[in-house]
Amino acid sequence: MLETPEERIRLLKAGISSKTIETLYIIYNNFKVVRSPVLCDLKPKL
């Protein structure tokens, strides 16, 4: 599932968020996440 960029583009155009597509890609391709990425938001929130 989601093997080609065209499949991912169709999902984006259908309104599915990139984060959801990434999660689906990890689940359906049996990837194992061994460490959570460190994410930093450098923009100040007003």
N, C-alpha and C. Protein backbone atom coordinates (compact mmCIF):
# COMPACT_ATOMS: atom_id res chain seq x y z
N MET A 1 0.84 -1.19 0.00
CA MET A 1 0.00 0.00 0.00
C MET A 1 0.88 1.25 0.00
N LEU A 2 0.44 2.23 -0.71
CA LEU A 2 1.14 3.51 -0.80
C LEU A 2 2.56 3.35 -1.32
N GLU A 3 2.72 2.47 -2.31
CA GLU A 3 4.06 2.19 -2.83
C GLU A 3 4.56 3.27 -3.78
N THR A 4 3.64 3.91 -4.47
CA THR A 4 4.06 4.90 -5.46
C THR A 4 3.69 6.31 -5.01
N PRO A 5 4.43 7.30 -5.47
CA PRO A 5 4.09 8.68 -5.13
C PRO A 5 2.68 9.07 -5.62
N GLU A 6 2.24 8.47 -6.74
CA GLU A 6 0.92 8.79 -7.26
C GLU A 6 -0.19 8.42 -6.28
N GLU A 7 -0.02 7.29 -5.59
CA GLU A 7 -1.02 6.88 -4.60
C GLU A 7 -1.08 7.89 -3.46
N ARG A 8 0.06 8.35 -3.01
CA ARG A 8 0.10 9.32 -1.92
C ARG A 8 -0.47 10.67 -2.36
N ILE A 9 -0.21 11.05 -3.60
CA ILE A 9 -0.74 12.31 -4.12
C ILE A 9 -2.26 12.25 -4.20
N ARG A 10 -2.81 11.11 -4.62
CA ARG A 10 -4.27 10.96 -4.66
C ARG A 10 -4.88 11.14 -3.28
N LEU A 11 -4.24 10.60 -2.25
CA LEU A 11 -4.75 10.75 -0.89
C LEU A 11 -4.68 12.20 -0.44
N LEU A 12 -3.58 12.89 -0.78
CA LEU A 12 -3.46 14.31 -0.42
C LEU A 12 -4.56 15.13 -1.10
N LYS A 13 -4.81 14.85 -2.36
CA LYS A 13 -5.85 15.58 -3.09
C LYS A 13 -7.24 15.27 -2.55
N ALA A 14 -7.41 14.09 -1.96
CA ALA A 14 -8.69 13.71 -1.37
C ALA A 14 -8.90 14.36 -0.01
N GLY A 15 -7.87 15.06 0.49
CA GLY A 15 -8.02 15.79 1.75
C GLY A 15 -7.45 15.09 2.96
N ILE A 16 -6.73 14.00 2.76
CA ILE A 16 -6.13 13.28 3.88
C ILE A 16 -4.80 13.95 4.21
N SER A 17 -4.56 14.18 5.50
CA SER A 17 -3.34 14.89 5.91
C SER A 17 -2.09 14.05 5.66
N SER A 18 -0.98 14.73 5.49
CA SER A 18 0.28 14.03 5.25
C SER A 18 0.69 13.19 6.46
N LYS A 19 0.35 13.65 7.65
CA LYS A 19 0.66 12.88 8.87
C LYS A 19 -0.10 11.56 8.88
N THR A 20 -1.37 11.58 8.47
CA THR A 20 -2.17 10.37 8.40
C THR A 20 -1.61 9.42 7.34
N ILE A 21 -1.22 9.96 6.20
CA ILE A 21 -0.64 9.14 5.14
C ILE A 21 0.65 8.50 5.63
N GLU A 22 1.47 9.25 6.34
CA GLU A 22 2.72 8.71 6.89
C GLU A 22 2.43 7.57 7.87
N THR A 23 1.43 7.76 8.72
CA THR A 23 1.06 6.72 9.69
C THR A 23 0.57 5.47 8.98
N LEU A 24 -0.29 5.64 7.96
CA LEU A 24 -0.78 4.50 7.19
C LEU A 24 0.37 3.77 6.50
N TYR A 25 1.31 4.52 5.96
CA TYR A 25 2.46 3.94 5.28
C TYR A 25 3.26 3.05 6.24
N ILE A 26 3.48 3.56 7.45
CA ILE A 26 4.24 2.80 8.45
C ILE A 26 3.49 1.54 8.85
N ILE A 27 2.18 1.66 9.09
CA ILE A 27 1.38 0.51 9.53
C ILE A 27 1.28 -0.56 8.46
N TYR A 28 0.89 -0.16 7.24
CA TYR A 28 0.63 -1.14 6.19
C TYR A 28 1.89 -1.75 5.59
N ASN A 29 3.04 -1.15 5.78
CA ASN A 29 4.28 -1.72 5.28
C ASN A 29 5.09 -2.39 6.37
N ASN A 30 4.47 -2.57 7.54
CA ASN A 30 5.07 -3.30 8.66
C ASN A 30 6.41 -2.74 9.12
N PHE A 31 6.52 -1.41 9.11
CA PHE A 31 7.72 -0.79 9.65
C PHE A 31 7.62 -0.75 11.16
N LYS A 32 8.74 -0.84 11.83
CA LYS A 32 8.79 -0.72 13.28
C LYS A 32 9.48 0.60 13.63
N VAL A 33 8.83 1.41 14.44
CA VAL A 33 9.43 2.66 14.89
C VAL A 33 10.18 2.34 16.17
N VAL A 34 11.50 2.47 16.12
CA VAL A 34 12.31 2.10 17.28
C VAL A 34 12.57 3.27 18.21
N ARG A 35 12.39 4.47 17.70
CA ARG A 35 12.59 5.65 18.54
C ARG A 35 11.72 6.77 17.99
N SER A 36 11.05 7.45 18.86
CA SER A 36 10.23 8.58 18.43
C SER A 36 11.12 9.73 18.01
N PRO A 37 10.81 10.40 16.91
CA PRO A 37 11.63 11.53 16.48
C PRO A 37 11.43 12.72 17.41
N VAL A 38 12.46 13.50 17.55
CA VAL A 38 12.38 14.72 18.34
C VAL A 38 11.94 15.83 17.41
N LEU A 39 10.79 16.39 17.70
CA LEU A 39 10.24 17.45 16.84
C LEU A 39 10.25 18.76 17.61
N CYS A 40 10.72 19.78 16.96
CA CYS A 40 10.83 21.10 17.57
C CYS A 40 10.03 22.10 16.75
N ASP A 41 9.22 22.88 17.39
CA ASP A 41 8.52 23.94 16.71
C ASP A 41 9.23 25.23 17.11
N LEU A 42 9.98 25.81 16.16
CA LEU A 42 10.78 26.99 16.48
C LEU A 42 9.99 28.29 16.35
N LYS A 43 8.76 28.21 15.82
CA LYS A 43 7.95 29.41 15.68
C LYS A 43 7.30 29.74 17.03
N PRO A 44 7.40 30.99 17.46
CA PRO A 44 6.74 31.36 18.72
C PRO A 44 5.22 31.39 18.52
N LYS A 45 4.50 30.92 19.50
CA LYS A 45 3.03 30.94 19.44
C LYS A 45 2.55 32.23 20.09
N LEU A 46 1.73 32.94 19.38
CA LEU A 46 1.21 34.22 19.86
C LEU A 46 -0.16 34.09 20.45
